[in-house]
Structures are given as structure tokens and as C-alpha cells.
């Protein structure tokens, strides 16, 4: 199965990890999916306040190079 998701390592304080773990269990999500959900909420809020981020323009984004 092909995915367009970028894998990366994330470090966080132990207490924050435990809280995210608790929240993800309450929402019946994996920790990774809970973090992705929160990131998507953050991006949505940011774009509501500042406008849509145009990746091609702002970051010279290419679909085959997600770095």
C-alpha cells in the first residue's frame, strides 16, 4: 500500500506524551493519528487567520519531494 505520509522522529516531554496517549485512547485513535489530527487542526486555524498556505509558491514544494 502506497502512502504519501512522511515518516519522522518526534521528541516531546514525557508528561505531554502521557497526556496525548490518554487523549488518543479516549478518542479511539492511535497516538500518531491523534497527533496528526491536532496538527491538522492547527494548520486549519492558522489558515483561517492568515490565508491558505500555497506550498508551491512559499516553499517551492514538489509532490515527489516531501522533505
PDB file of N, CA and C in Angstrom:
ATOM      1  N   UNK A   1       0.844  -1.171   0.000  1.00  0.00           N
ATOM      2  CA  UNK A   1       0.000   0.000   0.000  1.00  0.00           C
ATOM      3  C   UNK A   1       0.894   1.240   0.000  1.00  0.00           C
ATOM      4  N   UNK A   2       0.673   2.128  -0.958  1.00  0.00           N
ATOM      5  CA  UNK A   2       1.435   3.358  -1.071  1.00  0.00           C
ATOM      6  C   UNK A   2       0.792   4.448  -0.228  1.00  0.00           C
ATOM      7  N   UNK A   3       1.637   5.239   0.421  1.00  0.00           N
ATOM      8  CA  UNK A   3       1.133   6.348   1.225  1.00  0.00           C
ATOM      9  C   UNK A   3       1.944   7.594   0.924  1.00  0.00           C
ATOM     10  N   UNK A   4       1.329   8.746   1.089  1.00  0.00           N
ATOM     11  CA  UNK A   4       2.049   9.994   0.881  1.00  0.00           C
ATOM     12  C   UNK A   4       2.427  10.629   2.215  1.00  0.00           C
ATOM     13  N   UNK A   5       2.479   9.836   3.254  1.00  0.00           N
ATOM     14  CA  UNK A   5       2.816  10.348   4.577  1.00  0.00           C
ATOM     15  C   UNK A   5       4.323  10.311   4.781  1.00  0.00           C
ATOM     16  N   UNK A   6       4.839  11.360   5.381  1.00  0.00           N
ATOM     17  CA  UNK A   6       6.262  11.483   5.676  1.00  0.00           C
ATOM     18  C   UNK A   6       6.541  10.948   7.075  1.00  0.00           C
ATOM     19  N   UNK A   7       7.451  10.013   7.192  1.00  0.00           N
ATOM     20  CA  UNK A   7       7.845   9.477   8.497  1.00  0.00           C
ATOM     21  C   UNK A   7       8.937  10.361   9.086  1.00  0.00           C
ATOM     22  N   UNK A   8       8.853  10.610  10.394  1.00  0.00           N
ATOM     23  CA  UNK A   8       9.890  11.375  11.074  1.00  0.00           C
ATOM     24  C   UNK A   8       9.870  11.031  12.555  1.00  0.00           C
ATOM     25  N   UNK A   9      10.947  11.357  13.236  1.00  0.00           N
ATOM     26  CA  UNK A   9      11.050  11.117  14.668  1.00  0.00           C
ATOM     27  C   UNK A   9      10.640  12.376  15.408  1.00  0.00           C
ATOM     28  N   UNK A  10       9.908  12.195  16.475  1.00  0.00           N
ATOM     29  CA  UNK A  10       9.449  13.335  17.267  1.00  0.00           C
ATOM     30  C   UNK A  10       9.820  13.099  18.722  1.00  0.00           C
ATOM     31  N   UNK A  11      10.325  14.121  19.351  1.00  0.00           N
ATOM     32  CA  UNK A  11      10.637  14.047  20.780  1.00  0.00           C
ATOM     33  C   UNK A  11       9.733  15.021  21.512  1.00  0.00           C
ATOM     34  N   UNK A  12       9.258  14.616  22.679  1.00  0.00           N
ATOM     35  CA  UNK A  12       8.426  15.501  23.490  1.00  0.00           C
ATOM     36  C   UNK A  12       8.616  15.162  24.956  1.00  0.00           C
ATOM     37  N   UNK A  13       8.202  16.071  25.792  1.00  0.00           N
ATOM     38  CA  UNK A  13       8.281  15.819  27.225  1.00  0.00           C
ATOM     39  C   UNK A  13       7.417  14.610  27.580  1.00  0.00           C
ATOM     40  N   UNK A  14       7.873  13.850  28.562  1.00  0.00           N
ATOM     41  CA  UNK A  14       7.178  12.640  28.994  1.00  0.00           C
ATOM     42  C   UNK A  14       5.727  12.938  29.376  1.00  0.00           C
ATOM     43  N   UNK A  15       5.513  14.014  30.128  1.00  0.00           N
ATOM     44  CA  UNK A  15       4.157  14.362  30.567  1.00  0.00           C
ATOM     45  C   UNK A  15       3.242  14.635  29.375  1.00  0.00           C
ATOM     46  N   UNK A  16       3.748  15.353  28.374  1.00  0.00           N
ATOM     47  CA  UNK A  16       2.940  15.613  27.176  1.00  0.00           C
ATOM     48  C   UNK A  16       2.615  14.320  26.439  1.00  0.00           C
ATOM     49  N   UNK A  17       3.594  13.414  26.369  1.00  0.00           N
ATOM     50  CA  UNK A  17       3.346  12.127  25.714  1.00  0.00           C
ATOM     51  C   UNK A  17       2.240  11.363  26.426  1.00  0.00           C
ATOM     52  N   UNK A  18       2.301  11.324  27.745  1.00  0.00           N
ATOM     53  CA  UNK A  18       1.284  10.605  28.510  1.00  0.00           C
ATOM     54  C   UNK A  18      -0.100  11.229  28.312  1.00  0.00           C
ATOM     55  N   UNK A  19      -0.156  12.550  28.232  1.00  0.00           N
ATOM     56  CA  UNK A  19      -1.442  13.221  28.020  1.00  0.00           C
ATOM     57  C   UNK A  19      -1.984  12.949  26.623  1.00  0.00           C
ATOM     58  N   UNK A  20      -1.114  12.997  25.609  1.00  0.00           N
ATOM     59  CA  UNK A  20      -1.549  12.680  24.241  1.00  0.00           C
ATOM     60  C   UNK A  20      -1.998  11.225  24.164  1.00  0.00           C
ATOM     61  N   UNK A  21      -1.282  10.350  24.836  1.00  0.00           N
ATOM     62  CA  UNK A  21      -1.676   8.937  24.868  1.00  0.00           C
ATOM     63  C   UNK A  21      -3.068   8.792  25.471  1.00  0.00           C
ATOM     64  N   UNK A  22      -3.327   9.473  26.581  1.00  0.00           N
ATOM     65  CA  UNK A  22      -4.640   9.425  27.231  1.00  0.00           C
ATOM     66  C   UNK A  22      -5.726   9.952  26.285  1.00  0.00           C
ATOM     67  N   UNK A  23      -5.478  11.105  25.673  1.00  0.00           N
ATOM     68  CA  UNK A  23      -6.464  11.704  24.763  1.00  0.00           C
ATOM     69  C   UNK A  23      -6.725  10.775  23.583  1.00  0.00           C
ATOM     70  N   UNK A  24      -5.669  10.193  23.027  1.00  0.00           N
ATOM     71  CA  UNK A  24      -5.849   9.303  21.872  1.00  0.00           C
ATOM     72  C   UNK A  24      -6.673   8.072  22.242  1.00  0.00           C
ATOM     73  N   UNK A  25      -6.467   7.557  23.435  1.00  0.00           N
ATOM     74  CA  UNK A  25      -7.273   6.414  23.887  1.00  0.00           C
ATOM     75  C   UNK A  25      -8.739   6.809  24.043  1.00  0.00           C
ATOM     76  N   UNK A  26      -9.007   7.992  24.581  1.00  0.00           N
ATOM     77  CA  UNK A  26     -10.381   8.468  24.733  1.00  0.00           C
ATOM     78  C   UNK A  26     -11.062   8.634  23.374  1.00  0.00           C
ATOM     79  N   UNK A  27     -10.281   9.047  22.369  1.00  0.00           N
ATOM     80  CA  UNK A  27     -10.816   9.276  21.026  1.00  0.00           C
ATOM     81  C   UNK A  27     -10.713   8.052  20.121  1.00  0.00           C
ATOM     82  N   UNK A  28     -10.238   6.926  20.687  1.00  0.00           N
ATOM     83  CA  UNK A  28     -10.085   5.679  19.935  1.00  0.00           C
ATOM     84  C   UNK A  28      -9.222   5.876  18.680  1.00  0.00           C
ATOM     85  N   UNK A  29      -8.114   6.605  18.876  1.00  0.00           N
ATOM     86  CA  UNK A  29      -7.141   6.835  17.812  1.00  0.00           C
ATOM     87  C   UNK A  29      -5.788   6.331  18.290  1.00  0.00           C
ATOM     88  N   UNK A  30      -4.920   6.045  17.332  1.00  0.00           N
ATOM     89  CA  UNK A  30      -3.528   5.784  17.695  1.00  0.00           C
ATOM     90  C   UNK A  30      -2.906   7.120  18.108  1.00  0.00           C
ATOM     91  N   UNK A  31      -1.784   7.044  18.788  1.00  0.00           N
ATOM     92  CA  UNK A  31      -1.094   8.277  19.179  1.00  0.00           C
ATOM     93  C   UNK A  31      -0.709   9.067  17.931  1.00  0.00           C
ATOM     94  N   UNK A  32      -0.195   8.386  16.922  1.00  0.00           N
ATOM     95  CA  UNK A  32       0.203   9.061  15.683  1.00  0.00           C
ATOM     96  C   UNK A  32      -0.983   9.760  15.023  1.00  0.00           C
ATOM     97  N   UNK A  33      -2.131   9.087  14.981  1.00  0.00           N
ATOM     98  CA  UNK A  33      -3.310   9.700  14.358  1.00  0.00           C
ATOM     99  C   UNK A  33      -3.831  10.869  15.190  1.00  0.00           C
ATOM    100  N   UNK A  34      -3.714  10.790  16.506  1.00  0.00           N
ATOM    101  CA  UNK A  34      -4.135  11.900  17.356  1.00  0.00           C
ATOM    102  C   UNK A  34      -3.237  13.112  17.122  1.00  0.00           C
ATOM    103  N   UNK A  35      -1.935  12.886  17.039  1.00  0.00           N
ATOM    104  CA  UNK A  35      -1.008  13.988  16.774  1.00  0.00           C
ATOM    105  C   UNK A  35      -1.278  14.584  15.403  1.00  0.00           C
ATOM    106  N   UNK A  36      -1.502  13.734  14.395  1.00  0.00           N
ATOM    107  CA  UNK A  36      -1.809  14.237  13.052  1.00  0.00           C
ATOM    108  C   UNK A  36      -3.103  15.054  13.064  1.00  0.00           C
ATOM    109  N   UNK A  37      -4.120  14.594  13.785  1.00  0.00           N
ATOM    110  CA  UNK A  37      -5.379  15.324  13.913  1.00  0.00           C
ATOM    111  C   UNK A  37      -5.135  16.709  14.516  1.00  0.00           C
ATOM    112  N   UNK A  38      -4.339  16.776  15.577  1.00  0.00           N
ATOM    113  CA  UNK A  38      -4.050  18.054  16.228  1.00  0.00           C
ATOM    114  C   UNK A  38      -3.264  18.986  15.310  1.00  0.00           C
ATOM    115  N   UNK A  39      -2.330  18.434  14.554  1.00  0.00           N
ATOM    116  CA  UNK A  39      -1.574  19.245  13.594  1.00  0.00           C
ATOM    117  C   UNK A  39      -2.503  19.801  12.522  1.00  0.00           C
ATOM    118  N   UNK A  40      -3.415  18.965  12.019  1.00  0.00           N
ATOM    119  CA  UNK A  40      -4.368  19.426  11.002  1.00  0.00           C
ATOM    120  C   UNK A  40      -5.265  20.529  11.550  1.00  0.00           C
ATOM    121  N   UNK A  41      -5.670  20.421  12.816  1.00  0.00           N
ATOM    122  CA  UNK A  41      -6.459  21.488  13.444  1.00  0.00           C
ATOM    123  C   UNK A  41      -5.653  22.778  13.516  1.00  0.00           C
ATOM    124  N   UNK A  42      -4.394  22.670  13.888  1.00  0.00           N
ATOM    125  CA  UNK A  42      -3.518  23.834  13.988  1.00  0.00           C
ATOM    126  C   UNK A  42      -3.349  24.507  12.624  1.00  0.00           C
ATOM    127  N   UNK A  43      -3.124  23.721  11.584  1.00  0.00           N
ATOM    128  CA  UNK A  43      -2.978  24.262  10.234  1.00  0.00           C
ATOM    129  C   UNK A  43      -4.263  24.947   9.798  1.00  0.00           C
ATOM    130  N   UNK A  44      -5.396  24.316  10.058  1.00  0.00           N
ATOM    131  CA  UNK A  44      -6.690  24.893   9.696  1.00  0.00           C
ATOM    132  C   UNK A  44      -6.907  26.234  10.396  1.00  0.00           C
ATOM    133  N   UNK A  45      -6.624  26.294  11.687  1.00  0.00           N
ATOM    134  CA  UNK A  45      -6.763  27.546  12.439  1.00  0.00           C
ATOM    135  C   UNK A  45      -5.827  28.620  11.888  1.00  0.00           C
ATOM    136  N   UNK A  46      -4.598  28.246  11.596  1.00  0.00           N
ATOM    137  CA  UNK A  46      -3.617  29.186  11.055  1.00  0.00           C
ATOM    138  C   UNK A  46      -4.105  29.755   9.729  1.00  0.00           C
ATOM    139  N   UNK A  47      -4.586  28.863   8.841  1.00  0.00           N
ATOM    140  CA  UNK A  47      -5.035  29.309   7.527  1.00  0.00           C
ATOM    141  C   UNK A  47      -6.304  30.154   7.611  1.00  0.00           C
ATOM    142  N   UNK A  48      -7.156  29.905   8.587  1.00  0.00           N
ATOM    143  CA  UNK A  48      -8.339  30.751   8.779  1.00  0.00           C
ATOM    144  C   UNK A  48      -7.928  32.171   9.139  1.00  0.00           C
ATOM    145  N   UNK A  49      -6.853  32.304   9.905  1.00  0.00           N
ATOM    146  CA  UNK A  49      -6.398  33.616  10.363  1.00  0.00           C
ATOM    147  C   UNK A  49      -5.492  34.329   9.373  1.00  0.00           C
ATOM    148  N   UNK A  50      -4.734  33.583   8.583  1.00  0.00           N
ATOM    149  CA  UNK A  50      -3.721  34.216   7.734  1.00  0.00           C
ATOM    150  C   UNK A  50      -3.891  33.947   6.247  1.00  0.00           C
ATOM    151  N   UNK A  51      -4.777  33.033   5.886  1.00  0.00           N
ATOM    152  CA  UNK A  51      -4.958  32.659   4.488  1.00  0.00           C
ATOM    153  C   UNK A  51      -4.312  31.314   4.195  1.00  0.00           C
ATOM    154  N   UNK A  52      -4.751  30.727   3.104  1.00  0.00           N
ATOM    155  CA  UNK A  52      -4.273  29.404   2.702  1.00  0.00           C
ATOM    156  C   UNK A  52      -2.775  29.462   2.390  1.00  0.00           C
ATOM    157  N   UNK A  53      -2.046  28.474   2.860  1.00  0.00           N
ATOM    158  CA  UNK A  53      -0.619  28.372   2.571  1.00  0.00           C
ATOM    159  C   UNK A  53      -0.466  27.759   1.184  1.00  0.00           C
ATOM    160  N   UNK A  54       0.142  28.487   0.276  1.00  0.00           N
ATOM    161  CA  UNK A  54       0.391  28.000  -1.080  1.00  0.00           C
ATOM    162  C   UNK A  54       1.780  27.366  -1.093  1.00  0.00           C
ATOM    163  N   UNK A  55       1.840  26.049  -0.951  1.00  0.00           N
ATOM    164  CA  UNK A  55       3.126  25.361  -0.838  1.00  0.00           C
ATOM    165  C   UNK A  55       4.003  25.550  -2.066  1.00  0.00           C
ATOM    166  N   UNK A  56       3.423  25.482  -3.249  1.00  0.00           N
ATOM    167  CA  UNK A  56       4.206  25.628  -4.470  1.00  0.00           C
ATOM    168  C   UNK A  56       4.890  26.992  -4.503  1.00  0.00           C
ATOM    169  N   UNK A  57       4.202  28.018  -4.062  1.00  0.00           N
ATOM    170  CA  UNK A  57       4.746  29.378  -4.076  1.00  0.00           C
ATOM    171  C   UNK A  57       5.684  29.621  -2.903  1.00  0.00           C
ATOM    172  N   UNK A  58       5.260  29.282  -1.703  1.00  0.00           N
ATOM    173  CA  UNK A  58       6.000  29.629  -0.496  1.00  0.00           C
ATOM    174  C   UNK A  58       7.217  28.744  -0.237  1.00  0.00           C
ATOM    175  N   UNK A  59       7.131  27.482  -0.583  1.00  0.00           N
ATOM    176  CA  UNK A  59       8.186  26.543  -0.203  1.00  0.00           C
ATOM    177  C   UNK A  59       8.830  25.834  -1.384  1.00  0.00           C
ATOM    178  N   UNK A  60       8.500  26.252  -2.601  1.00  0.00           N
ATOM    179  CA  UNK A  60       8.987  25.562  -3.793  1.00  0.00           C
ATOM    180  C   UNK A  60       8.714  24.065  -3.666  1.00  0.00           C
ATOM    181  N   UNK A  61       7.474  23.745  -3.301  1.00  0.00           N
ATOM    182  CA  UNK A  61       7.033  22.387  -2.980  1.00  0.00           C
ATOM    183  C   UNK A  61       6.878  21.546  -4.232  1.00  0.00           C
ATOM    184  N   UNK A  62       7.347  20.301  -4.148  1.00  0.00           N
ATOM    185  CA  UNK A  62       7.143  19.318  -5.206  1.00  0.00           C
ATOM    186  C   UNK A  62       6.557  18.078  -4.564  1.00  0.00           C
ATOM    187  N   UNK A  63       5.510  17.508  -5.160  1.00  0.00           N
ATOM    188  CA  UNK A  63       4.830  16.343  -4.588  1.00  0.00           C
ATOM    189  C   UNK A  63       5.759  15.160  -4.351  1.00  0.00           C
ATOM    190  N   UNK A  64       6.770  14.995  -5.202  1.00  0.00           N
ATOM    191  CA  UNK A  64       7.642  13.833  -5.061  1.00  0.00           C
ATOM    192  C   UNK A  64       8.806  14.071  -4.101  1.00  0.00           C
ATOM    193  N   UNK A  65       8.863  15.253  -3.507  1.00  0.00           N
ATOM    194  CA  UNK A  65       9.964  15.582  -2.599  1.00  0.00           C
ATOM    195  C   UNK A  65       9.408  16.185  -1.316  1.00  0.00           C
ATOM    196  N   UNK A  66       8.880  15.340  -0.446  1.00  0.00           N
ATOM    197  CA  UNK A  66       8.258  15.808   0.793  1.00  0.00           C
ATOM    198  C   UNK A  66       9.310  15.800   1.893  1.00  0.00           C
ATOM    199  N   UNK A  67      10.116  16.835   1.949  1.00  0.00           N
ATOM    200  CA  UNK A  67      11.157  16.935   2.981  1.00  0.00           C
ATOM    201  C   UNK A  67      10.951  18.129   3.809  1.00  0.00           C
TER     202      UNK A  67
END
